[in-house]
Amino acid sequence: MAKLFSDDRLRQRILAFFAALLSFSILTAYAGIPVYATDSVPEPSESSDSSKDTDGSESPDNGFEITSSAENILVLSTSRGKTLYDRNAGITANIPAASKIMTAVIALEALTTDTLVTISKDAEELDDKSEKPLFIIKGEKCSVQYLVAAIIYCDSDAAALSLAEYISNDEASFVKRMNETAKSLNMKDTLFANTSGEPVITALPSTSASIKYSSYAKQYSTLNDLALLFRYALNQNSFREIFSRYRSLTFQSDGTPQSITNTLVSAWGIANLDGAARFSDTDSSSVSSVVSLASVDDFEIVILFQDSQNDSIYQDLSGGIESTFHYYEVSNLVNAGDPYRTVSIDGIPGPIDAEFKNTVRYIHPVGTEYGLTETVFTPTQALGLPISAGDLLGQVSFTLEDGTEIVTEVVSSVNVWSESSVFSDTLALLKTNHNLTVIIVMVVAVFFLSAAWTLTRFILRLHRSLKK
């Protein structure tokens, strides 16, 4: 080292080399900064005509067919509500399943599952008339979990009435709440008159011509509306657990062990079935409505049957599930971290590199994958500087080949700093550029070593000169 630095000219060349390397590294790093700008709140430079990620209820015209005894069928995904199959799902009819599930949903929102409900005389009498009685008696205390399970597993009118009376004192007041909830869920073709689903007819039509059921009935719904309600119910952990976790449950009801077994318990042998419930059609003893949930990995679907023949329910369920999963599959449209493109935002000069924030899954027929179509970027309204990598830039909406509309978020993949001092910019630059930091440390170390050696030589020379 002494020989190396004894030559001042060589030392100067080495220092000049490191200085040049440092300057080149800094210039290169600063050139990689996407943009410097003053703070501003941008107006959207591009707009999206839709922020929906759900589809209409019409069945895709793709040749997919389900063989079933049911008159009306609806199959849809639970994720976005995408309709996969539709047979008369928009026809109004008396659907007791809607009344029962709505009662269960309100009860689980209003009460805890261990709340004890006292059985009334009216509920006891209603239970006595049932083909599947719970054998509850007046004054008995039953938990909310027990009564909700009785609604789902046994289609119990008495359990539904008991919950309605406990929450709203009487059934009429509770029905008002049912209709208010239906309105909030956008169930446009639904009207409730009771908790049991018993039909309420004002006057029978005088002609045999096709007349909407809702024009002469005070209680009606559609499979489309039932699907809205059921998807909402599945977001309640307690409802989903009761519906899909068990086939048979044992409770302590007023100190007495009670067992409730799902009337469709045998259906649990059907491949990919996660849960099912049967609700008798009060207009006919030979048909029922069936609400079911099935999945393959993260591809979850709802299958609704209206007026399914009782002796064909298992075949209908098995065929519907098998046909759907044979025809459709789920794939990644984009992955989290995939580059989107550069986006322009008002008030910020220069484009910003964007990437997708989340992985987007989509449903498509087996063997037919969709690519990204033309997209529309909408900046977030609250965007300001500085922007760090990972900060939300806005939403991207695109439409798949089958008409599915999807909206997802994109984030910045780079840092965008506002105008500031050179010192603060340099500090920010060092934080994001490890290689540059290492080079600077090396150059500074060489300078310090050179300075120390020069100072040492000066002191030695001074010391020798003083001795002379």
Protein backbone atom coordinates (compact mmCIF):
# COMPACT_ATOMS: atom_id res chain seq x y z
CA MET A 1 0.00 0.00 0.00
CA ALA A 2 2.87 2.40 0.79
CA LYS A 3 4.44 1.85 -2.59
CA LEU A 4 1.11 2.26 -4.29
CA PHE A 5 0.41 5.64 -2.71
CA SER A 6 4.01 6.88 -2.71
CA ASP A 7 3.45 7.83 -6.31
CA ASP A 8 1.21 10.91 -6.10
CA ARG A 9 0.41 10.76 -9.79
CA LEU A 10 -0.81 7.12 -9.54
CA ARG A 11 -2.86 8.00 -6.49
CA GLN A 12 -4.49 10.88 -8.35
CA ARG A 13 -5.39 8.59 -11.26
CA ILE A 14 -7.00 6.05 -8.93
CA LEU A 15 -9.03 8.75 -7.20
CA ALA A 16 -10.09 10.17 -10.56
CA PHE A 17 -11.25 6.71 -11.66
CA PHE A 18 -13.42 6.23 -8.59
CA ALA A 19 -14.79 9.75 -8.91
CA ALA A 20 -15.76 9.07 -12.52
CA LEU A 21 -17.36 5.75 -11.50
CA LEU A 22 -19.34 7.50 -8.79
CA SER A 23 -20.56 10.21 -11.18
CA PHE A 24 -21.59 7.65 -13.80
CA SER A 25 -23.51 5.59 -11.22
CA ILE A 26 -25.37 8.61 -9.90
CA LEU A 27 -26.31 9.82 -13.37
CA THR A 28 -27.49 6.33 -14.34
CA ALA A 29 -29.56 5.95 -11.19
CA TYR A 30 -31.18 9.36 -11.56
CA ALA A 31 -32.01 8.60 -15.16
CA GLY A 32 -34.05 5.63 -13.94
CA ILE A 33 -36.38 7.82 -11.93
CA PRO A 34 -39.70 7.86 -13.81
CA VAL A 35 -40.77 11.46 -13.16
CA TYR A 36 -40.39 14.45 -10.86
CA ALA A 37 -43.41 16.66 -10.45
CA THR A 38 -45.10 19.10 -8.15
CA ASP A 39 -47.94 17.90 -5.92
CA SER A 40 -51.39 17.97 -7.50
CA VAL A 41 -54.77 16.26 -7.27
CA PRO A 42 -55.58 14.94 -10.74
CA GLU A 43 -58.91 14.69 -12.44
CA PRO A 44 -59.62 11.33 -14.08
CA SER A 45 -57.99 11.33 -17.50
CA GLU A 46 -59.82 8.17 -18.55
CA SER A 47 -63.20 6.97 -17.42
CA SER A 48 -64.94 3.64 -17.10
CA ASP A 49 -68.56 3.29 -18.07
CA SER A 50 -69.03 0.46 -15.58
CA SER A 51 -67.61 -0.61 -12.25
CA LYS A 52 -69.59 -3.84 -12.11
CA ASP A 53 -67.99 -7.22 -11.71
CA THR A 54 -71.19 -9.22 -11.93
CA ASP A 55 -73.03 -10.48 -14.96
CA GLY A 56 -76.62 -10.44 -16.09
CA SER A 57 -78.90 -13.38 -15.44
CA GLU A 58 -79.33 -14.58 -18.99
CA SER A 59 -77.76 -17.93 -19.68
CA PRO A 60 -74.78 -17.76 -22.05
CA ASP A 61 -75.63 -19.01 -25.52
CA ASN A 62 -72.83 -21.56 -25.57
CA GLY A 63 -74.60 -24.89 -26.02
CA PHE A 64 -74.26 -25.84 -22.35
CA GLU A 65 -77.32 -27.78 -21.14
CA ILE A 66 -78.38 -29.40 -17.86
CA THR A 67 -80.77 -32.35 -17.91
CA SER A 68 -83.11 -32.08 -14.93
CA SER A 69 -86.68 -32.69 -13.82
CA ALA A 70 -86.85 -29.11 -12.49
CA GLU A 71 -88.84 -26.55 -14.42
CA ASN A 72 -86.56 -23.66 -13.50
CA ILE A 73 -82.78 -23.81 -12.90
CA LEU A 74 -80.08 -21.27 -12.14
CA VAL A 75 -76.34 -21.97 -11.84
CA LEU A 76 -73.93 -19.18 -10.97
CA SER A 77 -70.53 -18.61 -9.41
CA THR A 78 -70.38 -17.33 -5.85
CA SER A 79 -67.37 -15.09 -6.55
CA ARG A 80 -68.88 -12.57 -8.97
CA GLY A 81 -72.36 -13.95 -9.45
CA LYS A 82 -71.59 -14.89 -13.04
CA THR A 83 -74.51 -16.79 -14.55
CA LEU A 84 -73.40 -20.15 -15.93
CA TYR A 85 -76.82 -21.59 -16.72
CA ASP A 86 -80.31 -20.10 -16.71
CA ARG A 87 -83.60 -21.85 -17.33
CA ASN A 88 -86.51 -19.51 -16.55
CA ALA A 89 -84.66 -17.96 -13.59
CA GLY A 90 -86.53 -14.66 -13.97
CA ILE A 91 -90.07 -16.08 -13.74
CA THR A 92 -92.01 -15.03 -10.64
CA ALA A 93 -93.44 -17.90 -8.63
CA ASN A 94 -94.13 -18.99 -5.08
CA ILE A 95 -90.70 -20.04 -3.77
CA PRO A 96 -90.85 -20.95 -0.05
CA ALA A 97 -87.06 -21.28 0.04
CA ALA A 98 -86.80 -17.49 -0.28
CA SER A 99 -88.99 -16.92 2.80
CA LYS A 100 -87.10 -19.48 4.87
CA ILE A 101 -83.60 -18.32 3.95
CA MET A 102 -84.55 -14.66 4.47
CA THR A 103 -85.83 -15.53 7.97
CA ALA A 104 -82.58 -17.34 8.77
CA VAL A 105 -80.46 -14.46 7.46
CA ILE A 106 -82.26 -11.82 9.54
CA ALA A 107 -82.13 -14.00 12.65
CA LEU A 108 -78.38 -14.56 12.37
CA GLU A 109 -77.80 -10.84 11.83
CA ALA A 110 -80.01 -9.78 14.73
CA LEU A 111 -79.13 -12.45 17.30
CA THR A 112 -76.20 -14.55 18.46
CA THR A 113 -76.40 -18.25 17.72
CA ASP A 114 -76.64 -19.13 21.44
CA THR A 115 -79.58 -16.77 22.09
CA LEU A 116 -82.47 -18.74 23.59
CA VAL A 117 -85.88 -18.29 21.97
CA THR A 118 -89.06 -19.22 23.85
CA ILE A 119 -91.50 -21.29 21.80
CA SER A 120 -95.04 -19.86 21.55
CA LYS A 121 -98.35 -21.71 21.42
CA ASP A 122 -98.75 -20.80 17.73
CA ALA A 123 -95.32 -22.24 16.94
CA GLU A 124 -96.14 -25.45 18.82
CA GLU A 125 -99.40 -25.90 16.90
CA LEU A 126 -97.62 -25.23 13.59
CA ASP A 127 -95.00 -27.83 14.46
CA ASP A 128 -97.70 -30.41 15.24
CA LYS A 129 -99.06 -30.02 11.70
CA SER A 130 -95.66 -30.51 10.08
CA GLU A 131 -94.68 -33.67 8.21
CA LYS A 132 -91.24 -33.31 9.82
CA PRO A 133 -92.04 -32.08 13.36
CA LEU A 134 -89.39 -30.90 15.78
CA PHE A 135 -91.63 -31.91 18.73
CA ILE A 136 -91.16 -28.51 20.33
CA ILE A 137 -93.64 -27.42 23.01
CA LYS A 138 -94.90 -24.08 24.30
CA GLY A 139 -92.50 -22.49 26.76
CA GLU A 140 -89.50 -24.53 25.61
CA LYS A 141 -86.32 -22.56 25.00
CA CYS A 142 -84.40 -23.28 21.80
CA SER A 143 -81.18 -21.69 20.62
CA VAL A 144 -81.05 -19.61 17.46
CA GLN A 145 -78.56 -22.09 16.02
CA TYR A 146 -81.03 -24.92 16.62
CA LEU A 147 -83.91 -23.06 14.97
CA VAL A 148 -81.87 -21.92 11.96
CA ALA A 149 -80.64 -25.47 11.45
CA ALA A 150 -84.25 -26.66 11.68
CA ILE A 151 -85.20 -24.22 8.90
CA ILE A 152 -82.36 -25.35 6.62
CA TYR A 153 -82.41 -29.08 7.40
CA CYS A 154 -86.11 -29.70 7.97
CA ASP A 155 -87.86 -26.79 6.23
CA SER A 156 -89.52 -26.05 9.60
CA ASP A 157 -92.33 -23.49 9.52
CA ALA A 158 -92.45 -23.54 13.33
CA ALA A 159 -88.77 -22.64 13.65
CA ALA A 160 -89.19 -19.72 11.22
CA LEU A 161 -92.23 -18.42 13.11
CA SER A 162 -90.45 -18.71 16.47
CA LEU A 163 -87.56 -16.57 15.26
CA ALA A 164 -89.91 -13.98 13.74
CA GLU A 165 -91.93 -13.67 16.94
CA TYR A 166 -88.83 -13.34 19.10
CA ILE A 167 -87.25 -10.63 16.92
CA SER A 168 -90.33 -8.55 16.02
CA ASN A 169 -93.00 -9.70 18.52
CA ASP A 170 -95.31 -10.83 15.71
CA GLU A 171 -94.98 -12.27 12.22
CA ALA A 172 -96.53 -9.26 10.45
CA SER A 173 -93.87 -6.90 11.80
CA PHE A 174 -91.15 -9.35 10.90
CA VAL A 175 -92.48 -9.65 7.32
CA LYS A 176 -92.07 -5.89 6.98
CA ARG A 177 -88.44 -6.32 7.91
CA MET A 178 -88.11 -9.15 5.37
CA ASN A 179 -89.33 -6.89 2.58
CA GLU A 180 -87.04 -4.06 3.66
CA THR A 181 -84.07 -6.42 3.56
CA ALA A 182 -85.12 -7.72 0.14
CA LYS A 183 -85.20 -4.15 -1.16
CA SER A 184 -81.72 -3.46 0.23
CA LEU A 185 -80.42 -6.55 -1.59
CA ASN A 186 -81.97 -5.36 -4.87
CA MET A 187 -84.41 -8.29 -4.97
CA LYS A 188 -86.69 -6.42 -7.36
CA ASP A 189 -89.08 -9.28 -8.10
CA THR A 190 -89.71 -10.46 -4.54
CA LEU A 191 -92.52 -9.82 -2.09
CA PHE A 192 -92.97 -11.57 1.25
CA ALA A 193 -96.24 -12.13 3.13
CA ASN A 194 -95.16 -14.73 5.72
CA THR A 195 -92.16 -16.69 6.98
CA SER A 196 -93.37 -20.13 5.89
CA GLY A 197 -93.66 -19.46 2.17
CA GLU A 198 -97.33 -20.35 2.16
CA PRO A 199 -98.86 -18.87 -1.03
CA VAL A 200 -101.08 -15.80 -0.64
CA ILE A 201 -103.36 -15.33 -3.65
CA THR A 202 -105.58 -12.26 -4.05
CA ALA A 203 -107.62 -13.57 -6.99
CA LEU A 204 -107.06 -16.33 -9.52
CA PRO A 205 -106.67 -15.17 -13.12
CA SER A 206 -109.88 -15.40 -15.15
CA THR A 207 -108.09 -16.55 -18.28
CA SER A 208 -105.76 -19.38 -19.12
CA ALA A 209 -103.40 -16.96 -20.87
CA SER A 210 -99.91 -16.59 -19.47
CA ILE A 211 -100.14 -14.06 -16.65
CA LYS A 212 -97.31 -13.15 -14.29
CA TYR A 213 -97.72 -14.80 -10.91
CA SER A 214 -96.82 -11.54 -9.21
CA SER A 215 -99.90 -9.87 -10.70
CA TYR A 216 -102.31 -11.90 -8.55
CA ALA A 217 -100.16 -13.07 -5.61
CA LYS A 218 -98.90 -11.25 -2.51
CA GLN A 219 -95.92 -13.53 -2.00
CA TYR A 220 -93.51 -14.38 -4.79
CA SER A 221 -89.88 -14.40 -5.87
CA THR A 222 -87.58 -15.58 -8.67
CA LEU A 223 -84.51 -17.79 -8.78
CA ASN A 224 -82.50 -14.69 -9.70
CA ASP A 225 -83.58 -12.98 -6.49
CA LEU A 226 -83.12 -16.16 -4.46
CA ALA A 227 -79.55 -16.33 -5.76
CA LEU A 228 -78.90 -12.75 -4.57
CA LEU A 229 -80.21 -13.68 -1.14
CA PHE A 230 -78.31 -16.96 -0.92
CA ARG A 231 -74.98 -15.42 -1.94
CA TYR A 232 -75.54 -12.74 0.70
CA ALA A 233 -76.31 -15.44 3.29
CA LEU A 234 -73.11 -17.31 2.46
CA ASN A 235 -71.14 -14.24 3.57
CA GLN A 236 -72.42 -14.90 7.10
CA ASN A 237 -69.97 -17.35 8.64
CA SER A 238 -72.64 -18.82 10.90
CA PHE A 239 -75.03 -19.44 7.99
CA ARG A 240 -72.34 -20.98 5.79
CA GLU A 241 -71.20 -23.24 8.62
CA ILE A 242 -74.70 -24.53 9.35
CA PHE A 243 -75.52 -24.93 5.66
CA SER A 244 -72.37 -26.64 4.48
CA ARG A 245 -70.44 -28.10 7.39
CA TYR A 246 -72.77 -30.70 8.79
CA ARG A 247 -75.34 -33.24 7.67
CA SER A 248 -76.66 -33.77 11.19
CA LEU A 249 -76.35 -31.62 14.31
CA THR A 250 -76.99 -32.36 17.98
CA PHE A 251 -78.10 -29.56 20.29
CA GLN A 252 -79.02 -29.04 23.91
CA SER A 253 -82.52 -27.63 23.63
CA ASP A 254 -83.92 -26.56 27.01
CA GLY A 255 -81.54 -29.02 28.61
CA THR A 256 -82.64 -31.89 26.37
CA PRO A 257 -80.39 -33.31 23.63
CA GLN A 258 -81.95 -32.79 20.22
CA SER A 259 -80.72 -34.10 16.88
CA ILE A 260 -81.51 -32.54 13.52
CA THR A 261 -80.71 -34.41 10.32
CA ASN A 262 -80.79 -32.80 6.92
CA THR A 263 -83.56 -34.23 4.76
CA LEU A 264 -80.99 -34.38 1.95
CA VAL A 265 -78.37 -36.16 4.06
CA SER A 266 -77.88 -38.82 1.37
CA ALA A 267 -76.86 -36.12 -1.11
CA TRP A 268 -73.52 -35.68 0.69
CA GLY A 269 -72.28 -38.65 -1.28
CA ILE A 270 -72.47 -36.59 -4.48
CA ALA A 271 -69.00 -35.59 -5.68
CA ASN A 272 -68.03 -31.92 -5.04
CA LEU A 273 -71.28 -31.12 -3.14
CA ASP A 274 -70.66 -28.83 -0.15
CA GLY A 275 -74.22 -28.44 1.07
CA ALA A 276 -77.87 -28.70 0.05
CA ALA A 277 -81.31 -27.97 1.45
CA ARG A 278 -84.76 -28.95 0.24
CA PHE A 279 -87.81 -26.74 0.67
CA SER A 280 -91.21 -28.24 -0.08
CA ASP A 281 -93.40 -26.56 -2.64
CA THR A 282 -96.63 -25.71 -0.86
CA ASP A 283 -98.52 -25.84 -4.16
CA SER A 284 -97.62 -29.48 -4.78
CA SER A 285 -96.42 -32.32 -2.55
CA SER A 286 -94.51 -33.99 -5.40
CA VAL A 287 -91.98 -31.22 -6.11
CA SER A 288 -89.50 -29.15 -4.09
CA SER A 289 -87.07 -26.29 -4.45
CA VAL A 290 -83.43 -27.20 -3.85
CA VAL A 291 -80.66 -24.81 -2.85
CA SER A 292 -77.15 -26.25 -3.17
CA LEU A 293 -73.50 -25.30 -2.98
CA ALA A 294 -70.65 -27.13 -4.75
CA SER A 295 -66.98 -26.50 -5.43
CA VAL A 296 -63.83 -27.77 -7.10
CA ASP A 297 -60.77 -26.14 -5.49
CA ASP A 298 -61.58 -22.39 -5.48
CA PHE A 299 -64.30 -22.68 -8.15
CA GLU A 300 -67.53 -22.48 -6.11
CA ILE A 301 -71.01 -22.50 -7.59
CA VAL A 302 -74.62 -22.20 -6.47
CA ILE A 303 -77.21 -24.44 -8.12
CA LEU A 304 -80.89 -23.64 -7.59
CA PHE A 305 -83.71 -25.94 -8.69
CA GLN A 306 -87.36 -24.92 -8.59
CA ASP A 307 -90.08 -27.58 -8.81
CA SER A 308 -87.65 -30.48 -8.92
CA GLN A 309 -89.47 -33.84 -8.72
CA ASN A 310 -88.93 -35.29 -5.25
CA ASP A 311 -87.94 -38.68 -6.60
CA SER A 312 -85.37 -37.07 -8.94
CA ILE A 313 -83.65 -34.58 -6.63
CA TYR A 314 -80.47 -36.58 -6.22
CA GLN A 315 -80.16 -37.19 -9.96
CA ASP A 316 -80.83 -33.51 -10.61
CA LEU A 317 -78.14 -32.44 -8.14
CA SER A 318 -75.57 -34.93 -9.33
CA GLY A 319 -76.19 -34.17 -13.01
CA GLY A 320 -76.17 -30.41 -12.53
CA ILE A 321 -72.89 -30.40 -10.58
CA GLU A 322 -71.13 -32.85 -12.87
CA SER A 323 -72.27 -31.04 -16.03
CA THR A 324 -71.19 -27.62 -14.76
CA PHE A 325 -67.71 -28.65 -13.67
CA HIS A 326 -67.25 -30.67 -16.84
CA TYR A 327 -68.08 -27.67 -19.01
CA TYR A 328 -66.44 -24.82 -17.05
CA GLU A 329 -63.10 -24.25 -15.36
CA VAL A 330 -61.32 -21.36 -13.61
CA SER A 331 -57.99 -19.84 -14.71
CA ASN A 332 -55.87 -16.80 -13.88
CA LEU A 333 -56.56 -13.85 -16.14
CA VAL A 334 -53.75 -11.79 -14.58
CA ASN A 335 -51.44 -12.41 -11.65
CA ALA A 336 -50.58 -10.03 -8.85
CA GLY A 337 -47.45 -8.15 -9.90
CA ASP A 338 -47.98 -8.64 -13.63
CA PRO A 339 -47.18 -5.42 -15.55
CA TYR A 340 -50.22 -3.57 -16.84
CA ARG A 341 -48.84 -0.67 -18.90
CA THR A 342 -47.74 2.90 -18.38
CA VAL A 343 -50.57 5.20 -17.36
CA SER A 344 -50.94 8.96 -17.61
CA ILE A 345 -52.42 11.02 -14.81
CA ASP A 346 -53.37 14.69 -15.01
CA GLY A 347 -50.98 16.91 -13.09
CA ILE A 348 -48.07 14.48 -13.30
CA PRO A 349 -45.76 14.93 -16.30
CA GLY A 350 -44.65 11.66 -17.80
CA PRO A 351 -46.11 8.15 -17.68
CA ILE A 352 -46.04 5.85 -14.65
CA ASP A 353 -45.41 2.12 -14.90
CA ALA A 354 -48.36 0.23 -13.39
CA GLU A 355 -48.87 -3.39 -12.35
CA PHE A 356 -51.86 -5.44 -11.21
CA LYS A 357 -52.43 -5.45 -7.46
CA ASN A 358 -54.34 -8.73 -7.22
CA THR A 359 -54.61 -12.01 -9.05
CA VAL A 360 -57.82 -12.08 -11.11
CA ARG A 361 -59.52 -15.43 -11.67
CA TYR A 362 -62.14 -15.96 -14.35
CA ILE A 363 -64.52 -18.70 -15.44
CA HIS A 364 -64.53 -19.99 -19.00
CA PRO A 365 -65.49 -23.10 -20.96
CA VAL A 366 -62.89 -25.84 -20.74
CA GLY A 367 -60.32 -25.46 -23.51
CA THR A 368 -61.36 -21.89 -24.39
CA GLU A 369 -59.13 -19.34 -22.68
CA TYR A 370 -59.75 -15.62 -22.94
CA GLY A 371 -57.06 -13.01 -23.38
CA LEU A 372 -57.08 -9.45 -22.08
CA THR A 373 -59.18 -7.18 -24.24
CA GLU A 374 -58.90 -3.41 -24.52
CA THR A 375 -58.93 -1.96 -21.03
CA VAL A 376 -59.99 1.35 -19.51
CA PHE A 377 -57.93 2.91 -16.71
CA THR A 378 -59.60 5.21 -14.16
CA PRO A 379 -57.24 7.06 -11.77
CA THR A 380 -58.08 7.23 -8.10
CA GLN A 381 -59.52 10.59 -7.06
CA ALA A 382 -57.20 10.97 -4.04
CA LEU A 383 -53.88 10.56 -5.85
CA GLY A 384 -51.07 12.84 -4.76
CA LEU A 385 -47.28 12.99 -4.74
CA PRO A 386 -44.97 11.46 -3.80
CA ILE A 387 -46.00 8.03 -5.09
CA SER A 388 -44.21 4.93 -3.84
CA ALA A 389 -44.02 1.57 -5.53
CA GLY A 390 -47.14 -0.35 -4.48
CA ASP A 391 -49.34 2.74 -4.08
CA LEU A 392 -52.79 2.49 -5.65
CA LEU A 393 -53.05 4.32 -8.97
CA GLY A 394 -56.61 3.45 -9.94
CA GLN A 395 -58.86 0.79 -11.40
CA VAL A 396 -58.75 -1.10 -14.66
CA SER A 397 -61.95 -2.40 -16.24
CA PHE A 398 -62.09 -4.83 -19.10
CA THR A 399 -64.67 -7.04 -20.78
CA LEU A 400 -64.01 -10.68 -21.60
CA GLU A 401 -65.04 -12.34 -24.83
CA ASP A 402 -68.18 -13.75 -23.21
CA GLY A 403 -69.27 -10.30 -21.98
CA THR A 404 -68.02 -10.66 -18.40
CA GLU A 405 -67.07 -7.26 -16.98
CA ILE A 406 -64.20 -7.27 -14.50
CA VAL A 407 -62.78 -4.38 -12.50
CA THR A 408 -59.48 -4.71 -10.68
CA GLU A 409 -56.89 -2.39 -9.15
CA VAL A 410 -53.46 -1.39 -10.39
CA VAL A 411 -50.57 0.01 -8.37
CA SER A 412 -47.37 1.86 -9.19
CA SER A 413 -44.37 -0.35 -9.89
CA VAL A 414 -41.95 2.59 -9.48
CA ASN A 415 -41.32 5.51 -7.13
CA VAL A 416 -42.44 8.97 -8.20
CA TRP A 417 -41.11 11.82 -6.06
CA SER A 418 -42.19 15.42 -5.87
CA GLU A 419 -39.83 18.36 -6.44
CA SER A 420 -37.50 18.74 -3.47
CA SER A 421 -33.89 19.36 -2.54
CA VAL A 422 -31.00 17.50 -4.14
CA PHE A 423 -30.04 16.20 -0.69
CA SER A 424 -33.44 14.61 0.03
CA ASP A 425 -33.59 13.17 -3.51
CA THR A 426 -30.15 11.65 -3.08
CA LEU A 427 -31.13 10.05 0.23
CA ALA A 428 -34.24 8.58 -1.38
CA LEU A 429 -32.12 7.36 -4.28
CA LEU A 430 -29.65 5.62 -1.97
CA LYS A 431 -32.49 3.82 -0.21
CA THR A 432 -33.67 2.25 -3.46
CA ASN A 433 -30.29 1.56 -5.15
CA HIS A 434 -28.11 -0.90 -3.24
CA ASN A 435 -25.37 -1.07 -5.88
CA LEU A 436 -24.93 2.68 -5.94
CA THR A 437 -24.66 2.74 -2.15
CA VAL A 438 -21.89 0.13 -2.22
CA ILE A 439 -19.94 2.09 -4.86
CA ILE A 440 -20.21 5.33 -2.86
CA VAL A 441 -18.97 3.59 0.29
CA MET A 442 -15.98 2.19 -1.64
CA VAL A 443 -15.10 5.60 -3.13
CA VAL A 444 -15.38 7.35 0.25
CA ALA A 445 -13.20 4.65 1.82
CA VAL A 446 -10.51 5.17 -0.84
CA PHE A 447 -10.61 8.95 -0.32
CA PHE A 448 -10.25 8.55 3.44
CA LEU A 449 -7.37 6.08 3.04
CA SER A 450 -5.65 8.43 0.62
CA ALA A 451 -6.13 11.39 2.92
CA ALA A 452 -4.85 9.43 5.89
CA TRP A 453 -1.76 8.28 4.00
CA THR A 454 -1.05 11.80 2.74
CA LEU A 455 -1.40 13.22 6.26
CA THR A 456 0.88 10.53 7.65
CA ARG A 457 3.59 11.27 5.07
CA PHE A 458 3.29 14.98 5.81
CA ILE A 459 3.74 14.43 9.53
CA LEU A 460 6.76 12.15 8.97
CA ARG A 461 8.40 14.69 6.64
CA LEU A 462 7.71 17.48 9.15
CA HIS A 463 9.17 15.39 11.93
CA ARG A 464 12.36 14.67 9.96
CA SER A 465 12.75 18.29 9.02
CA LEU A 466 12.43 19.40 12.65
CA LYS A 467 15.17 16.93 13.66
CA LYS A 468 17.52 18.46 11.15
